[in-house]
């Protein structure tokens, strides 16, 4: 049984100075889901976010967030959404602690200080900031990952129904990016808040229920990451490292009969996709030996949305994103 669509863009077009920035953009997330809007620089993802928050009015199309028609009733939207900007300094007071920041923001919504402190501590605990000393420390003295979690806390203090985040993992180390995305999943589960994440990072989709990929102002792919990953023509995937690896070696691997695709994931490491066969690892190793290639290490890998994206992009050289235009139905 489908739920209400809590983030929805339908046939949206945005023009700035006569230039089309978004063209016939359609995607959605149902209530309680996490949506990733992904694209490179200039793809239109930030414009999508501004459309969802009512900062930009489209010339065509419908935009609904938390059940509100954003174009017609923007004033009703503010108490229903939380917004985390890309730059923490635009939304936080660095001289105040995380709790004080949350209380200051809560005052805008008439939330009593005692209740605001209770909510802030609860949210920060879910976000992994349980240490009382960290809660009392000025935000300016926190790490980048800690400040990002404070920004998320502040945006949730008024219990919004939709949380929108602009590049929440930008500037963070790889392990911190994963931490922040995992914390967002925890928040999503704990409070049932619908989450929209704008990002340039493909891996963000792995943490989401739906993903929309933008390319030059249009939706090139929309769907559920797991369903899209299942379209990769392979039954198994292995991450394989070699002591040396050149273009000739890669060509030999691509020509192995059971191999359906190859992606480079390191200087001497490949992700190799093989069709469904009995004992796939043994068959692959035997085939590599016949080709004169001896791996240093081999590990079984899951097939991900990122793999689907990279394979499709590789197969369609010259296109920055997928060629098909898959729209929501």
Protein backbone atom coordinates (compact mmCIF):
# COMPACT_ATOMS: atom_id res chain seq x y z
CA UNK A 1 0.00 0.00 0.00
CA UNK A 2 1.56 3.29 -1.11
CA UNK A 3 1.85 6.20 1.27
CA UNK A 4 1.29 9.89 0.63
CA UNK A 5 3.95 11.57 -1.47
CA UNK A 6 5.71 13.95 0.88
CA UNK A 7 8.25 15.40 -1.55
CA UNK A 8 7.03 15.75 -5.11
CA UNK A 9 8.10 17.70 -8.17
CA UNK A 10 5.97 17.20 -11.27
CA UNK A 11 6.88 18.70 -14.65
CA UNK A 12 8.88 21.50 -13.02
CA UNK A 13 10.60 24.08 -15.20
CA UNK A 14 12.78 26.90 -13.90
CA UNK A 15 14.15 29.75 -16.00
CA UNK A 16 16.70 32.32 -14.87
CA UNK A 17 17.37 35.24 -17.17
CA UNK A 18 15.81 33.38 -20.08
CA UNK A 19 17.99 30.30 -19.50
CA UNK A 20 16.31 26.99 -18.66
CA UNK A 21 17.84 25.64 -15.41
CA UNK A 22 15.35 22.83 -14.79
CA UNK A 23 13.32 21.28 -17.58
CA UNK A 24 10.34 18.95 -17.00
CA UNK A 25 11.77 17.67 -13.69
CA UNK A 26 9.67 15.00 -11.94
CA UNK A 27 10.49 12.85 -8.90
CA UNK A 28 9.04 12.06 -5.49
CA UNK A 29 9.50 10.50 -2.06
CA UNK A 30 6.72 8.96 -0.02
CA UNK A 31 6.13 9.84 3.62
CA UNK A 32 8.91 8.47 5.85
CA UNK A 33 11.35 7.81 3.00
CA UNK A 34 14.82 9.17 2.26
CA UNK A 35 15.34 10.72 -1.17
CA UNK A 36 18.70 11.53 -2.78
CA UNK A 37 18.88 14.16 -5.53
CA UNK A 38 22.27 13.64 -7.14
CA UNK A 39 24.14 15.48 -9.86
CA UNK A 40 27.40 17.11 -10.81
CA UNK A 41 28.17 20.81 -10.83
CA UNK A 42 25.55 22.69 -12.85
CA UNK A 43 23.16 19.73 -12.98
CA UNK A 44 20.39 21.68 -11.22
CA UNK A 45 20.29 19.92 -7.85
CA UNK A 46 20.65 23.09 -5.74
CA UNK A 47 17.92 24.73 -7.81
CA UNK A 48 15.70 21.73 -7.03
CA UNK A 49 16.33 22.27 -3.33
CA UNK A 50 15.46 25.96 -3.60
CA UNK A 51 12.28 25.04 -5.42
CA UNK A 52 11.37 22.57 -2.63
CA UNK A 53 11.94 25.20 0.07
CA UNK A 54 9.99 27.85 -1.84
CA UNK A 55 13.00 30.08 -2.48
CA UNK A 56 12.53 29.80 -6.26
CA UNK A 57 9.18 29.81 -8.02
CA UNK A 58 9.02 27.56 -11.12
CA UNK A 59 7.49 28.87 -14.33
CA UNK A 60 5.81 25.49 -14.87
CA UNK A 61 4.94 22.44 -12.82
CA UNK A 62 3.73 21.44 -9.38
CA UNK A 63 5.80 21.28 -6.19
CA UNK A 64 4.43 19.65 -3.04
CA UNK A 65 6.30 19.24 0.23
CA UNK A 66 4.71 17.85 3.41
CA UNK A 67 1.33 17.95 1.66
CA UNK A 68 1.67 21.69 0.91
CA UNK A 69 1.53 23.17 -2.59
CA UNK A 70 4.75 25.17 -2.31
CA UNK A 71 3.91 27.49 -5.22
CA UNK A 72 0.46 28.47 -3.92
CA UNK A 73 0.87 28.19 -0.14
CA UNK A 74 4.53 28.80 0.64
CA UNK A 75 3.77 30.51 3.97
CA UNK A 76 2.29 27.26 5.32
CA UNK A 77 5.49 25.34 4.58
CA UNK A 78 8.00 26.90 6.99
CA UNK A 79 6.94 25.18 10.25
CA UNK A 80 6.76 21.82 8.48
CA UNK A 81 10.32 21.64 7.14
CA UNK A 82 13.82 21.61 8.56
CA UNK A 83 16.69 22.86 6.40
CA UNK A 84 20.40 22.10 6.77
CA UNK A 85 22.56 24.41 4.60
CA UNK A 86 25.81 23.26 3.03
CA UNK A 87 27.86 25.75 5.04
CA UNK A 88 27.34 25.35 8.79
CA UNK A 89 28.42 28.92 9.51
CA UNK A 90 25.29 30.23 7.76
CA UNK A 91 23.01 28.51 10.26
CA UNK A 92 24.95 28.26 13.53
CA UNK A 93 26.27 30.68 16.17
CA UNK A 94 29.85 29.54 16.63
CA UNK A 95 30.32 31.21 20.03
CA UNK A 96 27.40 29.26 21.55
CA UNK A 97 27.18 25.56 22.44
CA UNK A 98 25.12 23.02 20.52
CA UNK A 99 22.39 23.11 23.18
CA UNK A 100 22.31 26.93 23.18
CA UNK A 101 22.06 26.96 19.38
CA UNK A 102 19.11 24.57 19.51
CA UNK A 103 17.38 26.65 22.22
CA UNK A 104 17.86 29.87 20.25
CA UNK A 105 16.27 28.34 17.17
CA UNK A 106 13.46 26.79 19.26
CA UNK A 107 12.45 30.27 20.50
CA UNK A 108 11.37 31.12 16.94
CA UNK A 109 8.69 28.45 17.28
CA UNK A 110 7.65 29.32 20.83
CA UNK A 111 9.18 26.16 22.28
CA UNK A 112 10.00 26.55 26.02
CA UNK A 113 13.71 26.35 26.88
CA UNK A 114 13.28 23.27 29.09
CA UNK A 115 11.54 21.37 26.31
CA UNK A 116 14.08 22.59 23.74
CA UNK A 117 16.96 21.28 25.87
CA UNK A 118 15.24 17.92 26.28
CA UNK A 119 14.66 17.60 22.53
CA UNK A 120 18.20 18.76 21.71
CA UNK A 121 19.82 16.20 24.02
CA UNK A 122 17.63 13.44 22.61
CA UNK A 123 18.45 14.34 18.99
CA UNK A 124 22.17 14.83 19.68
CA UNK A 125 22.28 11.42 21.37
CA UNK A 126 20.83 9.79 18.23
CA UNK A 127 23.42 11.73 16.21
CA UNK A 128 26.22 10.31 18.37
CA UNK A 129 26.95 13.44 20.46
CA UNK A 130 26.15 12.02 23.90
CA UNK A 131 29.12 13.57 25.72
CA UNK A 132 27.99 16.40 28.03
CA UNK A 133 31.28 18.23 27.49
CA UNK A 134 30.76 18.23 23.72
CA UNK A 135 27.23 19.56 24.19
CA UNK A 136 28.59 22.47 26.27
CA UNK A 137 31.57 23.25 24.02
CA UNK A 138 31.24 26.28 21.67
CA UNK A 139 30.30 25.08 18.18
CA UNK A 140 33.35 26.87 16.75
CA UNK A 141 35.58 24.45 18.65
CA UNK A 142 33.87 21.32 17.32
CA UNK A 143 35.11 19.26 14.36
CA UNK A 144 33.46 19.53 10.94
CA UNK A 145 31.54 16.29 11.45
CA UNK A 146 30.35 17.39 14.89
CA UNK A 147 29.21 20.79 13.58
CA UNK A 148 27.25 19.06 10.81
CA UNK A 149 25.42 17.01 13.42
CA UNK A 150 24.63 20.16 15.41
CA UNK A 151 23.17 21.70 12.22
CA UNK A 152 20.95 18.64 11.82
CA UNK A 153 19.86 18.89 15.46
CA UNK A 154 18.95 22.57 15.11
CA UNK A 155 16.92 21.85 11.97
CA UNK A 156 14.95 19.13 13.81
CA UNK A 157 14.25 21.00 17.05
CA UNK A 158 10.74 22.09 15.97
CA UNK A 159 9.84 18.51 14.92
CA UNK A 160 9.40 19.14 11.17
CA UNK A 161 7.74 16.59 8.92
CA UNK A 162 10.38 16.97 6.17
CA UNK A 163 14.14 17.47 6.58
CA UNK A 164 16.04 18.90 3.58
CA UNK A 165 19.85 18.88 3.47
CA UNK A 166 22.21 20.61 1.05
CA UNK A 167 25.41 18.57 0.50
CA UNK A 168 25.58 17.31 4.12
CA UNK A 169 28.77 15.28 3.53
CA UNK A 170 30.82 17.87 1.63
CA UNK A 171 34.25 18.46 3.15
CA UNK A 172 34.08 15.43 5.44
CA UNK A 173 36.49 12.49 5.44
CA UNK A 174 35.19 9.23 3.96
CA UNK A 175 34.40 7.60 7.32
CA UNK A 176 32.67 10.77 8.56
CA UNK A 177 30.52 10.90 5.40
CA UNK A 178 29.30 7.39 6.15
CA UNK A 179 28.71 8.31 9.81
CA UNK A 180 26.56 11.34 8.90
CA UNK A 181 24.48 9.31 6.43
CA UNK A 182 23.99 6.54 8.98
CA UNK A 183 22.92 9.11 11.60
CA UNK A 184 20.38 10.49 9.12
CA UNK A 185 18.96 7.00 8.65
CA UNK A 186 18.69 6.68 12.44
CA UNK A 187 16.85 10.03 12.64
CA UNK A 188 14.57 8.95 9.80
CA UNK A 189 13.66 5.71 11.60
CA UNK A 190 13.35 7.26 15.06
CA UNK A 191 11.12 10.20 14.11
CA UNK A 192 9.59 9.08 10.82
CA UNK A 193 10.70 12.33 9.21
CA UNK A 194 10.87 12.35 5.41
CA UNK A 195 14.40 13.28 4.31
CA UNK A 196 15.61 14.91 1.10
CA UNK A 197 19.38 14.99 0.49
CA UNK A 198 21.00 16.99 -2.30
CA UNK A 199 24.46 15.63 -3.09
CA UNK A 200 27.13 15.22 -5.77
CA UNK A 201 28.20 11.94 -4.15
CA UNK A 202 26.83 8.78 -5.82
CA UNK A 203 27.32 6.72 -2.67
CA UNK A 204 24.65 8.80 -0.92
CA UNK A 205 22.06 6.84 -2.88
CA UNK A 206 23.06 3.64 -1.09
CA UNK A 207 21.55 5.07 2.13
CA UNK A 208 18.29 6.19 0.50
CA UNK A 209 14.93 4.73 -0.52
CA UNK A 210 14.77 6.64 -3.81
CA UNK A 211 17.26 8.47 -6.00
CA UNK A 212 16.85 11.08 -8.73
CA UNK A 213 19.90 11.75 -10.90
CA UNK A 214 20.02 15.13 -12.61
CA UNK A 215 21.96 15.92 -15.76
CA UNK A 216 21.92 19.40 -17.29
CA UNK A 217 18.60 20.29 -15.68
CA UNK A 218 16.74 17.08 -16.50
CA UNK A 219 16.04 13.86 -14.61
CA UNK A 220 18.09 11.14 -16.28
CA UNK A 221 17.32 8.39 -13.75
CA UNK A 222 14.71 8.01 -11.05
CA UNK A 223 13.96 4.95 -8.97
CA UNK A 224 14.82 2.79 -6.00
CA UNK A 225 18.59 2.23 -5.71
CA UNK A 226 18.24 -1.50 -5.02
CA UNK A 227 15.93 -2.01 -7.99
CA UNK A 228 18.29 -0.10 -10.27
CA UNK A 229 21.28 -2.09 -8.98
CA UNK A 230 19.45 -5.32 -9.82
CA UNK A 231 19.53 -4.28 -13.49
CA UNK A 232 23.29 -4.80 -13.64
CA UNK A 233 23.84 -7.79 -15.93
CA UNK A 234 25.59 -9.96 -13.37
CA UNK A 235 24.90 -12.61 -10.81
CA UNK A 236 28.00 -11.97 -8.74
CA UNK A 237 30.67 -9.31 -8.19
CA UNK A 238 34.22 -9.62 -6.88
CA UNK A 239 36.79 -7.02 -5.89
CA UNK A 240 40.11 -8.25 -7.26
CA UNK A 241 43.58 -6.81 -6.62
CA UNK A 242 46.71 -7.50 -8.68
CA UNK A 243 50.41 -6.87 -8.11
CA UNK A 244 50.47 -5.06 -11.48
CA UNK A 245 47.73 -3.99 -13.83
CA UNK A 246 47.78 -2.34 -17.26
CA UNK A 247 45.26 -1.66 -20.04
CA UNK A 248 46.14 -4.92 -21.78
CA UNK A 249 45.36 -6.87 -18.59
CA UNK A 250 41.99 -5.14 -18.24
CA UNK A 251 41.15 -5.96 -21.86
CA UNK A 252 41.96 -9.63 -21.23
CA UNK A 253 39.62 -9.66 -18.22
CA UNK A 254 36.80 -8.05 -20.19
CA UNK A 255 37.15 -10.81 -22.79
CA UNK A 256 36.72 -13.61 -20.24
CA UNK A 257 33.49 -15.42 -21.16
CA UNK A 258 31.77 -15.24 -17.78
CA UNK A 259 32.69 -11.55 -17.21
CA UNK A 260 29.85 -9.10 -17.90
CA UNK A 261 31.55 -5.90 -16.73
CA UNK A 262 34.67 -4.41 -15.17
CA UNK A 263 35.11 -1.25 -13.09
CA UNK A 264 38.38 0.18 -11.80
CA UNK A 265 38.13 0.85 -8.05
CA UNK A 266 41.82 1.36 -7.28
CA UNK A 267 45.18 1.72 -9.02
CA UNK A 268 45.61 -2.06 -9.17
CA UNK A 269 42.12 -3.12 -8.11
CA UNK A 270 39.06 -3.97 -10.21
CA UNK A 271 35.46 -4.80 -9.47
CA UNK A 272 34.63 -7.69 -11.79
CA UNK A 273 31.04 -8.69 -12.57
CA UNK A 274 30.27 -12.24 -13.68
CA UNK A 275 27.15 -13.98 -14.90
CA UNK A 276 25.35 -16.59 -12.81
CA UNK A 277 27.37 -19.80 -12.77
CA UNK A 278 28.05 -22.56 -10.29
CA UNK A 279 31.09 -21.87 -8.10
CA UNK A 280 31.59 -18.38 -9.63
CA UNK A 281 34.78 -17.63 -7.68
CA UNK A 282 36.52 -20.83 -8.75
CA UNK A 283 35.45 -20.34 -12.36
CA UNK A 284 36.68 -16.72 -12.36
CA UNK A 285 40.05 -17.64 -10.84
CA UNK A 286 40.54 -20.42 -13.39
CA UNK A 287 39.69 -18.08 -16.26
CA UNK A 288 42.10 -15.43 -14.94
CA UNK A 289 44.88 -18.02 -14.66
CA UNK A 290 44.28 -19.03 -18.28
CA UNK A 291 44.66 -15.38 -19.25
CA UNK A 292 47.98 -15.25 -17.40
CA UNK A 293 46.65 -13.12 -14.54
CA UNK A 294 47.14 -14.08 -10.89
CA UNK A 295 45.22 -11.99 -8.32
CA UNK A 296 46.81 -10.90 -5.05
CA UNK A 297 43.43 -10.89 -3.29
CA UNK A 298 39.78 -11.56 -4.13
CA UNK A 299 36.73 -10.64 -2.06
CA UNK A 300 33.03 -11.07 -2.77
CA UNK A 301 31.21 -7.74 -3.24
CA UNK A 302 27.61 -6.59 -3.36
CA UNK A 303 26.27 -4.99 -6.54
CA UNK A 304 25.32 -1.38 -5.81
CA UNK A 305 23.57 1.58 -7.39
CA UNK A 306 26.99 3.18 -7.86
CA UNK A 307 28.02 0.17 -9.96
CA UNK A 308 24.86 0.51 -12.06
CA UNK A 309 25.55 4.19 -12.59
CA UNK A 310 29.21 3.75 -13.54
CA UNK A 311 28.56 0.83 -15.88
CA UNK A 312 25.78 2.71 -17.68
CA UNK A 313 27.95 5.82 -17.98
CA UNK A 314 30.86 3.74 -19.30
CA UNK A 315 28.67 2.07 -21.89
CA UNK A 316 27.48 5.46 -23.11
CA UNK A 317 30.71 7.41 -23.51
CA UNK A 318 30.34 11.13 -23.87
CA UNK A 319 27.25 11.30 -21.64
CA UNK A 320 27.89 12.48 -18.10
CA UNK A 321 24.84 10.63 -16.78
CA UNK A 322 22.47 7.90 -17.92
CA UNK A 323 20.92 8.25 -21.38
CA UNK A 324 17.46 6.95 -20.49
CA UNK A 325 14.90 9.36 -19.08
CA UNK A 326 13.10 7.35 -16.42
CA UNK A 327 10.25 9.32 -14.86
CA UNK A 328 8.17 8.51 -11.81
CA UNK A 329 4.78 6.94 -12.39
